[in-house]
């Protein structure tokens, strides 16, 4: 009997063990329900995909260029730039990668080398979208040396459009750094020389810069540029120059405006001459009168002979100037600039004194 009871007890224990080991059986009170670690869930929800790589930056051409720039060897840099230009030409669909690399580059010499490679790649310099992006980057870049680099790169552009012109005009008119404004005007000068069919539009952009910029160097450059293209200036731009002529207080800048107006219609030149004579008569400073006299000779031409003859009497520097202007007009064929060379030949006037 004892053996039978012991066997039954063993069977009961085995049954209980089997019963409680089955899946889904409720846990014992002293065994807490397992919960997934919250930290693991949070880690998964906050993970981010890695930023996409830029194959251009990983290219052998860029690695070679970076090494050459670091070496400082000019020949090595030029060879690496040539290699870069070849890579750029072989990957015409990667322009956004090129722009991203340029915008993110922290090393200024490397930035300049990349821009130089861009400028040597015809396909990029013909790509209007790429060129627009470069122009916009130039208007946003800092420090200013990067703006100079980008503006110099754009001098190799093989086409221009309204968006590019607008971006460069904004730089010329509004940039906080005078040298950067001057670089923008220099770029417009480059384009005026190369894209002669667009000279009217380009001169209009110079006018917008003159309407805004108060920097003397920038204004002087604009006037000189307009003077060098005086034969191609549209009537509207000539009228604007006449307005500047009557409001510009710096007589040296007035000289450049007079040269620019020398190719204007007789009507506009007559208006300018009448203004000059009135100012000349009221002016007391002989230094300022020397500038005004040269401007009269430039714009009035042979019609100024009686007036110049009267002013040439005496031995003053002003009289000597008048005599030389008479001589130039008598010889005929004198260009507009020649009258202002007289100022330097007879005791150059000190602009600071006027």
C-alpha atoms as a PDB file:
ATOM      1  CA  UNK A   1       0.000   0.000   0.000  1.00  0.00           C
ATOM      2  CA  UNK A   2       2.783   2.431   0.879  1.00  0.00           C
ATOM      3  CA  UNK A   3       4.395   1.756  -2.454  1.00  0.00           C
ATOM      4  CA  UNK A   4       1.119   2.525  -4.250  1.00  0.00           C
ATOM      5  CA  UNK A   5       0.706   5.856  -2.397  1.00  0.00           C
ATOM      6  CA  UNK A   6       4.281   6.874  -3.198  1.00  0.00           C
ATOM      7  CA  UNK A   7       3.735   6.140  -6.872  1.00  0.00           C
ATOM      8  CA  UNK A   8       0.558   8.231  -6.912  1.00  0.00           C
ATOM      9  CA  UNK A   9       2.409  11.139  -5.272  1.00  0.00           C
ATOM     10  CA  UNK A  10       5.103  11.022  -7.951  1.00  0.00           C
ATOM     11  CA  UNK A  11       2.474  10.988 -10.695  1.00  0.00           C
ATOM     12  CA  UNK A  12       0.757  14.053  -9.189  1.00  0.00           C
ATOM     13  CA  UNK A  13       4.024  15.981  -8.975  1.00  0.00           C
ATOM     14  CA  UNK A  14       4.883  15.140 -12.584  1.00  0.00           C
ATOM     15  CA  UNK A  15       1.426  16.301 -13.725  1.00  0.00           C
ATOM     16  CA  UNK A  16       1.756  19.599 -11.889  1.00  0.00           C
ATOM     17  CA  UNK A  17       5.174  20.225 -13.377  1.00  0.00           C
ATOM     18  CA  UNK A  18       3.876  19.499 -16.883  1.00  0.00           C
ATOM     19  CA  UNK A  19       0.740  21.642 -16.361  1.00  0.00           C
ATOM     20  CA  UNK A  20       2.543  24.750 -15.196  1.00  0.00           C
ATOM     21  CA  UNK A  21       5.266  24.536 -17.821  1.00  0.00           C
ATOM     22  CA  UNK A  22       2.816  24.839 -20.756  1.00  0.00           C
ATOM     23  CA  UNK A  23       2.691  28.163 -22.857  1.00  0.00           C
ATOM     24  CA  UNK A  24      -0.034  30.560 -21.857  1.00  0.00           C
ATOM     25  CA  UNK A  25      -0.264  29.309 -18.283  1.00  0.00           C
ATOM     26  CA  UNK A  26      -0.619  32.289 -15.929  1.00  0.00           C
ATOM     27  CA  UNK A  27       2.603  33.097 -14.094  1.00  0.00           C
ATOM     28  CA  UNK A  28       2.926  32.618 -10.396  1.00  0.00           C
ATOM     29  CA  UNK A  29       2.242  35.658  -8.200  1.00  0.00           C
ATOM     30  CA  UNK A  30       5.897  36.068  -7.321  1.00  0.00           C
ATOM     31  CA  UNK A  31       6.955  36.092 -10.986  1.00  0.00           C
ATOM     32  CA  UNK A  32       6.324  39.585 -12.585  1.00  0.00           C
ATOM     33  CA  UNK A  33       5.184  39.757 -16.187  1.00  0.00           C
ATOM     34  CA  UNK A  34       8.239  40.401 -18.422  1.00  0.00           C
ATOM     35  CA  UNK A  35       8.147  43.787 -20.255  1.00  0.00           C
ATOM     36  CA  UNK A  36      10.281  44.862 -23.242  1.00  0.00           C
ATOM     37  CA  UNK A  37      13.011  47.273 -22.069  1.00  0.00           C
ATOM     38  CA  UNK A  38      11.732  50.844 -22.784  1.00  0.00           C
ATOM     39  CA  UNK A  39      15.218  52.084 -23.537  1.00  0.00           C
ATOM     40  CA  UNK A  40      15.482  49.732 -26.491  1.00  0.00           C
ATOM     41  CA  UNK A  41      12.172  50.988 -27.921  1.00  0.00           C
ATOM     42  CA  UNK A  42      13.253  54.624 -27.528  1.00  0.00           C
ATOM     43  CA  UNK A  43      16.557  53.980 -29.233  1.00  0.00           C
ATOM     44  CA  UNK A  44      14.834  52.504 -32.255  1.00  0.00           C
ATOM     45  CA  UNK A  45      12.334  55.391 -32.571  1.00  0.00           C
ATOM     46  CA  UNK A  46      15.044  58.077 -32.428  1.00  0.00           C
ATOM     47  CA  UNK A  47      17.510  56.529 -34.841  1.00  0.00           C
ATOM     48  CA  UNK A  48      18.210  58.505 -38.067  1.00  0.00           C
ATOM     49  CA  UNK A  49      19.227  57.413 -41.518  1.00  0.00           C
ATOM     50  CA  UNK A  50      22.817  58.329 -42.353  1.00  0.00           C
ATOM     51  CA  UNK A  51      23.261  61.427 -44.504  1.00  0.00           C
ATOM     52  CA  UNK A  52      23.680  60.551 -48.193  1.00  0.00           C
ATOM     53  CA  UNK A  53      27.274  60.604 -49.325  1.00  0.00           C
ATOM     54  CA  UNK A  54      28.554  62.883 -52.079  1.00  0.00           C
ATOM     55  CA  UNK A  55      30.315  60.768 -54.714  1.00  0.00           C
ATOM     56  CA  UNK A  56      32.071  63.862 -56.005  1.00  0.00           C
ATOM     57  CA  UNK A  57      33.806  64.413 -52.662  1.00  0.00           C
ATOM     58  CA  UNK A  58      34.797  60.736 -52.621  1.00  0.00           C
ATOM     59  CA  UNK A  59      36.282  60.885 -56.117  1.00  0.00           C
ATOM     60  CA  UNK A  60      39.969  60.480 -56.840  1.00  0.00           C
ATOM     61  CA  UNK A  61      39.953  63.854 -58.622  1.00  0.00           C
ATOM     62  CA  UNK A  62      38.919  65.686 -55.440  1.00  0.00           C
ATOM     63  CA  UNK A  63      41.332  63.697 -53.254  1.00  0.00           C
ATOM     64  CA  UNK A  64      44.195  64.550 -55.621  1.00  0.00           C
ATOM     65  CA  UNK A  65      43.197  68.208 -55.654  1.00  0.00           C
ATOM     66  CA  UNK A  66      43.029  68.383 -51.865  1.00  0.00           C
ATOM     67  CA  UNK A  67      46.480  66.813 -51.564  1.00  0.00           C
ATOM     68  CA  UNK A  68      47.917  69.223 -54.133  1.00  0.00           C
ATOM     69  CA  UNK A  69      46.397  72.232 -52.373  1.00  0.00           C
ATOM     70  CA  UNK A  70      47.808  71.033 -49.058  1.00  0.00           C
ATOM     71  CA  UNK A  71      51.278  70.734 -50.624  1.00  0.00           C
ATOM     72  CA  UNK A  72      51.199  74.337 -51.839  1.00  0.00           C
ATOM     73  CA  UNK A  73      52.995  73.317 -55.043  1.00  0.00           C
ATOM     74  CA  UNK A  74      51.611  75.470 -57.862  1.00  0.00           C
ATOM     75  CA  UNK A  75      52.416  72.988 -60.625  1.00  0.00           C
ATOM     76  CA  UNK A  76      50.787  70.152 -58.693  1.00  0.00           C
ATOM     77  CA  UNK A  77      47.712  72.307 -58.075  1.00  0.00           C
ATOM     78  CA  UNK A  78      47.390  73.209 -61.762  1.00  0.00           C
ATOM     79  CA  UNK A  79      47.693  69.551 -62.772  1.00  0.00           C
ATOM     80  CA  UNK A  80      45.100  68.541 -60.171  1.00  0.00           C
ATOM     81  CA  UNK A  81      42.739  71.289 -61.346  1.00  0.00           C
ATOM     82  CA  UNK A  82      43.088  69.973 -64.907  1.00  0.00           C
ATOM     83  CA  UNK A  83      42.267  66.486 -63.637  1.00  0.00           C
ATOM     84  CA  UNK A  84      39.274  67.874 -61.784  1.00  0.00           C
ATOM     85  CA  UNK A  85      38.014  69.630 -64.932  1.00  0.00           C
ATOM     86  CA  UNK A  86      38.222  66.323 -66.804  1.00  0.00           C
ATOM     87  CA  UNK A  87      36.190  64.594 -64.086  1.00  0.00           C
ATOM     88  CA  UNK A  88      33.597  67.374 -64.140  1.00  0.00           C
ATOM     89  CA  UNK A  89      33.249  67.102 -67.919  1.00  0.00           C
ATOM     90  CA  UNK A  90      32.742  63.329 -67.637  1.00  0.00           C
ATOM     91  CA  UNK A  91      29.948  63.672 -65.053  1.00  0.00           C
ATOM     92  CA  UNK A  92      27.568  66.316 -66.491  1.00  0.00           C
ATOM     93  CA  UNK A  93      24.623  65.044 -64.463  1.00  0.00           C
ATOM     94  CA  UNK A  94      26.280  65.582 -61.084  1.00  0.00           C
ATOM     95  CA  UNK A  95      26.082  69.375 -60.969  1.00  0.00           C
ATOM     96  CA  UNK A  96      24.187  69.402 -57.656  1.00  0.00           C
ATOM     97  CA  UNK A  97      26.948  67.338 -56.064  1.00  0.00           C
ATOM     98  CA  UNK A  98      29.481  69.867 -57.367  1.00  0.00           C
ATOM     99  CA  UNK A  99      27.529  72.793 -55.927  1.00  0.00           C
ATOM    100  CA  UNK A 100      26.994  71.053 -52.582  1.00  0.00           C
ATOM    101  CA  UNK A 101      30.708  70.348 -52.319  1.00  0.00           C
ATOM    102  CA  UNK A 102      31.598  73.957 -53.046  1.00  0.00           C
ATOM    103  CA  UNK A 103      29.044  75.354 -50.593  1.00  0.00           C
ATOM    104  CA  UNK A 104      30.234  73.078 -47.788  1.00  0.00           C
ATOM    105  CA  UNK A 105      33.984  73.497 -48.341  1.00  0.00           C
ATOM    106  CA  UNK A 106      35.629  75.092 -45.292  1.00  0.00           C
ATOM    107  CA  UNK A 107      39.179  75.425 -46.600  1.00  0.00           C
ATOM    108  CA  UNK A 108      39.500  78.626 -48.626  1.00  0.00           C
ATOM    109  CA  UNK A 109      42.407  77.536 -50.899  1.00  0.00           C
ATOM    110  CA  UNK A 110      40.496  74.335 -51.694  1.00  0.00           C
ATOM    111  CA  UNK A 111      37.358  76.422 -52.318  1.00  0.00           C
ATOM    112  CA  UNK A 112      39.334  78.496 -54.827  1.00  0.00           C
ATOM    113  CA  UNK A 113      40.770  75.405 -56.520  1.00  0.00           C
ATOM    114  CA  UNK A 114      37.303  73.886 -56.936  1.00  0.00           C
ATOM    115  CA  UNK A 115      36.003  77.132 -58.449  1.00  0.00           C
ATOM    116  CA  UNK A 116      38.986  77.243 -60.790  1.00  0.00           C
ATOM    117  CA  UNK A 117      38.151  73.734 -61.988  1.00  0.00           C
ATOM    118  CA  UNK A 118      34.543  74.778 -62.569  1.00  0.00           C
ATOM    119  CA  UNK A 119      35.683  77.773 -64.630  1.00  0.00           C
ATOM    120  CA  UNK A 120      37.783  75.493 -66.851  1.00  0.00           C
ATOM    121  CA  UNK A 121      34.856  73.181 -67.625  1.00  0.00           C
ATOM    122  CA  UNK A 122      32.943  74.333 -70.699  1.00  0.00           C
ATOM    123  CA  UNK A 123      29.905  72.199 -69.929  1.00  0.00           C
ATOM    124  CA  UNK A 124      29.438  73.924 -66.574  1.00  0.00           C
ATOM    125  CA  UNK A 125      30.052  77.400 -67.973  1.00  0.00           C
ATOM    126  CA  UNK A 126      27.277  76.739 -70.511  1.00  0.00           C
ATOM    127  CA  UNK A 127      24.838  75.342 -67.938  1.00  0.00           C
ATOM    128  CA  UNK A 128      22.371  78.111 -67.083  1.00  0.00           C
ATOM    129  CA  UNK A 129      21.099  76.404 -63.928  1.00  0.00           C
ATOM    130  CA  UNK A 130      24.608  75.862 -62.623  1.00  0.00           C
ATOM    131  CA  UNK A 131      25.602  79.451 -63.399  1.00  0.00           C
ATOM    132  CA  UNK A 132      22.510  80.845 -61.659  1.00  0.00           C
ATOM    133  CA  UNK A 133      23.373  78.806 -58.575  1.00  0.00           C
ATOM    134  CA  UNK A 134      26.935  80.162 -58.600  1.00  0.00           C
ATOM    135  CA  UNK A 135      25.627  83.728 -58.880  1.00  0.00           C
ATOM    136  CA  UNK A 136      23.222  83.204 -55.977  1.00  0.00           C
ATOM    137  CA  UNK A 137      25.986  81.600 -53.913  1.00  0.00           C
ATOM    138  CA  UNK A 138      28.170  84.638 -54.614  1.00  0.00           C
ATOM    139  CA  UNK A 139      25.476  86.913 -53.182  1.00  0.00           C
ATOM    140  CA  UNK A 140      25.245  84.815 -50.016  1.00  0.00           C
ATOM    141  CA  UNK A 141      28.828  83.703 -49.385  1.00  0.00           C
ATOM    142  CA  UNK A 142      30.982  84.803 -46.489  1.00  0.00           C
ATOM    143  CA  UNK A 143      33.753  85.793 -45.988  1.00  0.00           C
ATOM    144  CA  UNK A 144      34.142  88.226 -48.863  1.00  0.00           C
ATOM    145  CA  UNK A 145      37.158  86.418 -50.352  1.00  0.00           C
ATOM    146  CA  UNK A 146      34.793  83.623 -51.383  1.00  0.00           C
ATOM    147  CA  UNK A 147      32.629  86.166 -53.168  1.00  0.00           C
ATOM    148  CA  UNK A 148      35.671  87.391 -55.106  1.00  0.00           C
ATOM    149  CA  UNK A 149      36.466  83.778 -56.072  1.00  0.00           C
ATOM    150  CA  UNK A 150      32.936  83.091 -57.277  1.00  0.00           C
ATOM    151  CA  UNK A 151      32.687  86.354 -59.210  1.00  0.00           C
ATOM    152  CA  UNK A 152      35.998  85.562 -60.888  1.00  0.00           C
ATOM    153  CA  UNK A 153      34.673  82.100 -61.776  1.00  0.00           C
ATOM    154  CA  UNK A 154      31.577  83.656 -63.360  1.00  0.00           C
ATOM    155  CA  UNK A 155      33.827  85.724 -65.632  1.00  0.00           C
ATOM    156  CA  UNK A 156      34.224  82.468 -67.606  1.00  0.00           C
ATOM    157  CA  UNK A 157      30.459  82.073 -68.097  1.00  0.00           C
ATOM    158  CA  UNK A 158      29.584  81.410 -71.717  1.00  0.00           C
ATOM    159  CA  UNK A 159      26.050  82.720 -71.372  1.00  0.00           C
ATOM    160  CA  UNK A 160      24.176  85.135 -69.123  1.00  0.00           C
ATOM    161  CA  UNK A 161      20.512  85.613 -68.298  1.00  0.00           C
ATOM    162  CA  UNK A 162      18.254  87.928 -66.328  1.00  0.00           C
ATOM    163  CA  UNK A 163      18.543  85.974 -63.070  1.00  0.00           C
ATOM    164  CA  UNK A 164      22.329  86.058 -63.143  1.00  0.00           C
ATOM    165  CA  UNK A 165      22.344  89.774 -63.928  1.00  0.00           C
ATOM    166  CA  UNK A 166      19.953  90.481 -61.086  1.00  0.00           C
ATOM    167  CA  UNK A 167      22.096  88.582 -58.564  1.00  0.00           C
ATOM    168  CA  UNK A 168      25.310  90.351 -59.620  1.00  0.00           C
ATOM    169  CA  UNK A 169      23.581  93.756 -59.635  1.00  0.00           C
ATOM    170  CA  UNK A 170      22.428  93.165 -56.050  1.00  0.00           C
ATOM    171  CA  UNK A 171      26.014  92.520 -55.018  1.00  0.00           C
ATOM    172  CA  UNK A 172      27.276  95.627 -56.813  1.00  0.00           C
ATOM    173  CA  UNK A 173      24.591  97.832 -55.303  1.00  0.00           C
ATOM    174  CA  UNK A 174      24.116  96.472 -51.805  1.00  0.00           C
ATOM    175  CA  UNK A 175      27.050  94.395 -50.574  1.00  0.00           C
ATOM    176  CA  UNK A 176      28.532  95.715 -47.343  1.00  0.00           C
ATOM    177  CA  UNK A 177      32.107  95.427 -48.635  1.00  0.00           C
ATOM    178  CA  UNK A 178      33.328  97.976 -51.175  1.00  0.00           C
ATOM    179  CA  UNK A 179      35.897  95.578 -52.770  1.00  0.00           C
ATOM    180  CA  UNK A 180      33.135  93.025 -53.343  1.00  0.00           C
ATOM    181  CA  UNK A 181      30.939  95.675 -54.972  1.00  0.00           C
ATOM    182  CA  UNK A 182      33.870  96.619 -57.192  1.00  0.00           C
ATOM    183  CA  UNK A 183      34.405  92.960 -58.155  1.00  0.00           C
ATOM    184  CA  UNK A 184      30.741  92.739 -59.166  1.00  0.00           C
ATOM    185  CA  UNK A 185      31.135  95.819 -61.397  1.00  0.00           C
ATOM    186  CA  UNK A 186      34.322  94.290 -62.845  1.00  0.00           C
ATOM    187  CA  UNK A 187      32.319  91.186 -63.746  1.00  0.00           C
ATOM    188  CA  UNK A 188      29.713  93.332 -65.493  1.00  0.00           C
ATOM    189  CA  UNK A 189      32.587  95.012 -67.350  1.00  0.00           C
ATOM    190  CA  UNK A 190      33.834  91.601 -68.462  1.00  0.00           C
ATOM    191  CA  UNK A 191      30.371  90.659 -69.709  1.00  0.00           C
ATOM    192  CA  UNK A 192      29.917  93.994 -71.505  1.00  0.00           C
ATOM    193  CA  UNK A 193      33.123  93.301 -73.409  1.00  0.00           C
ATOM    194  CA  UNK A 194      32.197  89.694 -74.262  1.00  0.00           C
ATOM    195  CA  UNK A 195      28.411  89.854 -74.700  1.00  0.00           C
ATOM    196  CA  UNK A 196      28.160  92.966 -76.837  1.00  0.00           C
ATOM    197  CA  UNK A 197      24.552  92.248 -77.843  1.00  0.00           C
ATOM    198  CA  UNK A 198      23.576  92.655 -74.190  1.00  0.00           C
ATOM    199  CA  UNK A 199      25.488  95.901 -73.594  1.00  0.00           C
ATOM    200  CA  UNK A 200      22.252  97.901 -73.271  1.00  0.00           C
ATOM    201  CA  UNK A 201      20.912  95.632 -70.530  1.00  0.00           C
ATOM    202  CA  UNK A 202      24.290  95.592 -68.794  1.00  0.00           C
ATOM    203  CA  UNK A 203      24.543  99.385 -68.825  1.00  0.00           C
ATOM    204  CA  UNK A 204      21.075  99.493 -67.297  1.00  0.00           C
ATOM    205  CA  UNK A 205      22.343  97.315 -64.427  1.00  0.00           C
ATOM    206  CA  UNK A 206      25.237  99.732 -63.894  1.00  0.00           C
ATOM    207  CA  UNK A 207      22.652 102.499 -63.633  1.00  0.00           C
ATOM    208  CA  UNK A 208      20.869 100.576 -60.874  1.00  0.00           C
ATOM    209  CA  UNK A 209      24.144 100.274 -58.995  1.00  0.00           C
ATOM    210  CA  UNK A 210      24.706 104.025 -59.356  1.00  0.00           C
ATOM    211  CA  UNK A 211      21.212 104.663 -58.025  1.00  0.00           C
ATOM    212  CA  UNK A 212      22.054 102.759 -54.835  1.00  0.00           C
ATOM    213  CA  UNK A 213      25.769 102.691 -54.099  1.00  0.00           C
ATOM    214  CA  UNK A 214      27.351 105.630 -52.305  1.00  0.00           C
ATOM    215  CA  UNK A 215      30.866 104.200 -52.441  1.00  0.00           C
ATOM    216  CA  UNK A 216      33.135 106.515 -54.457  1.00  0.00           C
ATOM    217  CA  UNK A 217      35.302 103.716 -55.856  1.00  0.00           C
ATOM    218  CA  UNK A 218      32.280 101.776 -57.058  1.00  0.00           C
ATOM    219  CA  UNK A 219      30.702 104.856 -58.629  1.00  0.00           C
ATOM    220  CA  UNK A 220      33.954 105.830 -60.336  1.00  0.00           C
ATOM    221  CA  UNK A 221      34.285 102.348 -61.816  1.00  0.00           C
ATOM    222  CA  UNK A 222      30.699 102.448 -63.105  1.00  0.00           C
ATOM    223  CA  UNK A 223      31.222 105.846 -64.761  1.00  0.00           C
ATOM    224  CA  UNK A 224      34.485 104.718 -66.356  1.00  0.00           C
ATOM    225  CA  UNK A 225      32.807 101.584 -67.680  1.00  0.00           C
ATOM    226  CA  UNK A 226      29.924 103.564 -69.151  1.00  0.00           C
ATOM    227  CA  UNK A 227      32.402 106.003 -70.683  1.00  0.00           C
ATOM    228  CA  UNK A 228      34.312 103.175 -72.369  1.00  0.00           C
ATOM    229  CA  UNK A 229      31.032 101.913 -73.897  1.00  0.00           C
ATOM    230  CA  UNK A 230      29.613 105.361 -74.639  1.00  0.00           C
ATOM    231  CA  UNK A 231      28.887 104.636 -78.313  1.00  0.00           C
ATOM    232  CA  UNK A 232      26.528 101.783 -77.392  1.00  0.00           C
ATOM    233  CA  UNK A 233      24.600 103.417 -74.549  1.00  0.00           C
ATOM    234  CA  UNK A 234      20.829 103.643 -75.019  1.00  0.00           C
ATOM    235  CA  UNK A 235      19.114 107.022 -74.823  1.00  0.00           C
ATOM    236  CA  UNK A 236      17.604 106.249 -71.420  1.00  0.00           C
ATOM    237  CA  UNK A 237      21.030 105.558 -69.940  1.00  0.00           C
ATOM    238  CA  UNK A 238      22.386 108.805 -71.402  1.00  0.00           C
ATOM    239  CA  UNK A 239      19.534 110.711 -69.780  1.00  0.00           C
ATOM    240  CA  UNK A 240      20.379 109.074 -66.459  1.00  0.00           C
ATOM    241  CA  UNK A 241      24.009 110.091 -66.896  1.00  0.00           C
ATOM    242  CA  UNK A 242      22.936 113.687 -67.426  1.00  0.00           C
ATOM    243  CA  UNK A 243      21.024 113.490 -64.157  1.00  0.00           C
ATOM    244  CA  UNK A 244      24.122 112.122 -62.364  1.00  0.00           C
ATOM    245  CA  UNK A 245      26.234 114.826 -64.011  1.00  0.00           C
ATOM    246  CA  UNK A 246      24.150 117.549 -62.386  1.00  0.00           C
ATOM    247  CA  UNK A 247      24.157 115.953 -58.939  1.00  0.00           C
ATOM    248  CA  UNK A 248      27.635 114.403 -58.667  1.00  0.00           C
ATOM    249  CA  UNK A 249      29.741 116.628 -56.405  1.00  0.00           C
ATOM    250  CA  UNK A 250      33.087 114.996 -57.153  1.00  0.00           C
ATOM    251  CA  UNK A 251      34.659 116.777 -60.177  1.00  0.00           C
ATOM    252  CA  UNK A 252      36.887 113.788 -60.979  1.00  0.00           C
ATOM    253  CA  UNK A 253      33.812 111.614 -61.352  1.00  0.00           C
ATOM    254  CA  UNK A 254      32.282 114.431 -63.386  1.00  0.00           C
ATOM    255  CA  UNK A 255      35.131 114.001 -65.894  1.00  0.00           C
ATOM    256  CA  UNK A 256      34.143 110.371 -66.521  1.00  0.00           C
ATOM    257  CA  UNK A 257      30.493 111.319 -66.916  1.00  0.00           C
ATOM    258  CA  UNK A 258      31.452 114.007 -69.431  1.00  0.00           C
ATOM    259  CA  UNK A 259      33.353 111.421 -71.491  1.00  0.00           C
ATOM    260  CA  UNK A 260      30.342 109.079 -71.344  1.00  0.00           C
ATOM    261  CA  UNK A 261      28.053 111.909 -72.508  1.00  0.00           C
ATOM    262  CA  UNK A 262      30.367 112.945 -75.337  1.00  0.00           C
ATOM    263  CA  UNK A 263      28.629 110.394 -77.588  1.00  0.00           C
ATOM    264  CA  UNK A 264      25.104 111.515 -76.622  1.00  0.00           C
ATOM    265  CA  UNK A 265      22.769 113.455 -78.864  1.00  0.00           C
ATOM    266  CA  UNK A 266      23.418 117.160 -79.466  1.00  0.00           C
ATOM    267  CA  UNK A 267      20.308 117.892 -77.454  1.00  0.00           C
ATOM    268  CA  UNK A 268      21.591 116.129 -74.323  1.00  0.00           C
ATOM    269  CA  UNK A 269      25.092 117.514 -74.764  1.00  0.00           C
ATOM    270  CA  UNK A 270      23.639 121.017 -75.139  1.00  0.00           C
ATOM    271  CA  UNK A 271      21.780 120.585 -71.860  1.00  0.00           C
ATOM    272  CA  UNK A 272      24.987 119.467 -70.145  1.00  0.00           C
ATOM    273  CA  UNK A 273      26.997 122.370 -71.612  1.00  0.00           C
ATOM    274  CA  UNK A 274      24.442 124.956 -70.490  1.00  0.00           C
ATOM    275  CA  UNK A 275      24.646 123.521 -66.983  1.00  0.00           C
ATOM    276  CA  UNK A 276      28.462 123.631 -67.043  1.00  0.00           C
ATOM    277  CA  UNK A 277      28.642 127.257 -68.145  1.00  0.00           C
ATOM    278  CA  UNK A 278      26.257 128.315 -65.381  1.00  0.00           C
ATOM    279  CA  UNK A 279      28.281 126.453 -62.742  1.00  0.00           C
ATOM    280  CA  UNK A 280      31.573 127.750 -64.164  1.00  0.00           C
ATOM    281  CA  UNK A 281      30.475 131.375 -63.898  1.00  0.00           C
ATOM    282  CA  UNK A 282      29.350 130.935 -60.301  1.00  0.00           C
ATOM    283  CA  UNK A 283      32.409 128.944 -59.185  1.00  0.00           C
ATOM    284  CA  UNK A 284      35.128 130.811 -57.244  1.00  0.00           C
ATOM    285  CA  UNK A 285      37.681 128.015 -56.934  1.00  0.00           C
ATOM    286  CA  UNK A 286      40.182 127.883 -59.813  1.00  0.00           C
ATOM    287  CA  UNK A 287      40.767 124.213 -59.040  1.00  0.00           C
ATOM    288  CA  UNK A 288      37.128 123.375 -59.655  1.00  0.00           C
ATOM    289  CA  UNK A 289      37.050 125.681 -62.664  1.00  0.00           C
ATOM    290  CA  UNK A 290      39.867 123.688 -64.274  1.00  0.00           C
ATOM    291  CA  UNK A 291      37.712 120.552 -64.151  1.00  0.00           C
ATOM    292  CA  UNK A 292      34.691 122.436 -65.461  1.00  0.00           C
ATOM    293  CA  UNK A 293      36.719 123.955 -68.294  1.00  0.00           C
ATOM    294  CA  UNK A 294      37.924 120.533 -69.440  1.00  0.00           C
ATOM    295  CA  UNK A 295      34.356 119.217 -69.337  1.00  0.00           C
ATOM    296  CA  UNK A 296      33.128 122.171 -71.420  1.00  0.00           C
ATOM    297  CA  UNK A 297      35.833 121.558 -74.044  1.00  0.00           C
ATOM    298  CA  UNK A 298      34.961 117.852 -74.110  1.00  0.00           C
ATOM    299  CA  UNK A 299      31.209 118.299 -74.532  1.00  0.00           C
ATOM    300  CA  UNK A 300      30.946 121.553 -76.509  1.00  0.00           C
ATOM    301  CA  UNK A 301      33.781 120.860 -78.916  1.00  0.00           C
ATOM    302  CA  UNK A 302      34.534 123.496 -81.600  1.00  0.00           C
ATOM    303  CA  UNK A 303      31.602 125.606 -80.433  1.00  0.00           C
ATOM    304  CA  UNK A 304      33.629 126.313 -77.301  1.00  0.00           C
ATOM    305  CA  UNK A 305      36.481 128.038 -79.231  1.00  0.00           C
ATOM    306  CA  UNK A 306      35.393 131.665 -78.534  1.00  0.00           C
ATOM    307  CA  UNK A 307      34.916 130.933 -74.846  1.00  0.00           C
ATOM    308  CA  UNK A 308      38.240 129.103 -74.544  1.00  0.00           C
ATOM    309  CA  UNK A 309      40.055 131.894 -76.370  1.00  0.00           C
ATOM    310  CA  UNK A 310      38.737 134.384 -73.825  1.00  0.00           C
ATOM    311  CA  UNK A 311      39.729 132.139 -70.913  1.00  0.00           C
ATOM    312  CA  UNK A 312      43.234 131.606 -72.306  1.00  0.00           C
ATOM    313  CA  UNK A 313      44.260 135.213 -71.641  1.00  0.00           C
ATOM    314  CA  UNK A 314      46.774 135.530 -68.849  1.00  0.00           C
ATOM    315  CA  UNK A 315      49.388 133.304 -67.239  1.00  0.00           C
ATOM    316  CA  UNK A 316      47.376 131.364 -64.670  1.00  0.00           C
ATOM    317  CA  UNK A 317      47.161 127.572 -64.744  1.00  0.00           C
ATOM    318  CA  UNK A 318      43.523 127.933 -65.787  1.00  0.00           C
ATOM    319  CA  UNK A 319      44.588 130.104 -68.764  1.00  0.00           C
ATOM    320  CA  UNK A 320      47.230 127.537 -69.747  1.00  0.00           C
ATOM    321  CA  UNK A 321      44.585 124.818 -69.677  1.00  0.00           C
ATOM    322  CA  UNK A 322      42.320 126.880 -71.933  1.00  0.00           C
ATOM    323  CA  UNK A 323      45.164 127.420 -74.411  1.00  0.00           C
ATOM    324  CA  UNK A 324      45.822 123.671 -74.621  1.00  0.00           C
ATOM    325  CA  UNK A 325      42.136 122.921 -75.104  1.00  0.00           C
ATOM    326  CA  UNK A 326      42.149 125.452 -77.951  1.00  0.00           C
ATOM    327  CA  UNK A 327      45.107 123.702 -79.525  1.00  0.00           C
ATOM    328  CA  UNK A 328      43.452 120.281 -79.313  1.00  0.00           C
ATOM    329  CA  UNK A 329      40.261 121.546 -80.906  1.00  0.00           C
ATOM    330  CA  UNK A 330      42.159 123.407 -83.623  1.00  0.00           C
ATOM    331  CA  UNK A 331      44.007 120.230 -84.591  1.00  0.00           C
ATOM    332  CA  UNK A 332      40.741 118.327 -84.879  1.00  0.00           C
ATOM    333  CA  UNK A 333      40.156 114.664 -84.145  1.00  0.00           C
ATOM    334  CA  UNK A 334      40.872 114.925 -80.422  1.00  0.00           C
ATOM    335  CA  UNK A 335      39.158 112.188 -78.420  1.00  0.00           C
ATOM    336  CA  UNK A 336      37.100 112.999 -75.358  1.00  0.00           C
ATOM    337  CA  UNK A 337      39.719 111.752 -72.890  1.00  0.00           C
ATOM    338  CA  UNK A 338      42.475 114.014 -74.233  1.00  0.00           C
ATOM    339  CA  UNK A 339      41.004 117.141 -72.656  1.00  0.00           C
ATOM    340  CA  UNK A 340      41.411 115.654 -69.193  1.00  0.00           C
ATOM    341  CA  UNK A 341      45.062 114.812 -69.771  1.00  0.00           C
ATOM    342  CA  UNK A 342      45.597 118.583 -69.865  1.00  0.00           C
ATOM    343  CA  UNK A 343      44.749 118.692 -66.168  1.00  0.00           C
ATOM    344  CA  UNK A 344      47.756 116.541 -65.381  1.00  0.00           C
ATOM    345  CA  UNK A 345      50.152 118.309 -67.729  1.00  0.00           C
ATOM    346  CA  UNK A 346      49.608 121.729 -66.102  1.00  0.00           C
ATOM    347  CA  UNK A 347      50.161 121.249 -62.372  1.00  0.00           C
ATOM    348  CA  UNK A 348      47.697 118.437 -61.531  1.00  0.00           C
ATOM    349  CA  UNK A 349      44.894 119.816 -59.352  1.00  0.00           C
ATOM    350  CA  UNK A 350      44.670 118.529 -55.813  1.00  0.00           C
ATOM    351  CA  UNK A 351      41.229 117.026 -55.592  1.00  0.00           C
ATOM    352  CA  UNK A 352      41.324 117.279 -51.802  1.00  0.00           C
ATOM    353  CA  UNK A 353      41.422 121.070 -52.086  1.00  0.00           C
ATOM    354  CA  UNK A 354      38.329 121.566 -54.251  1.00  0.00           C
END
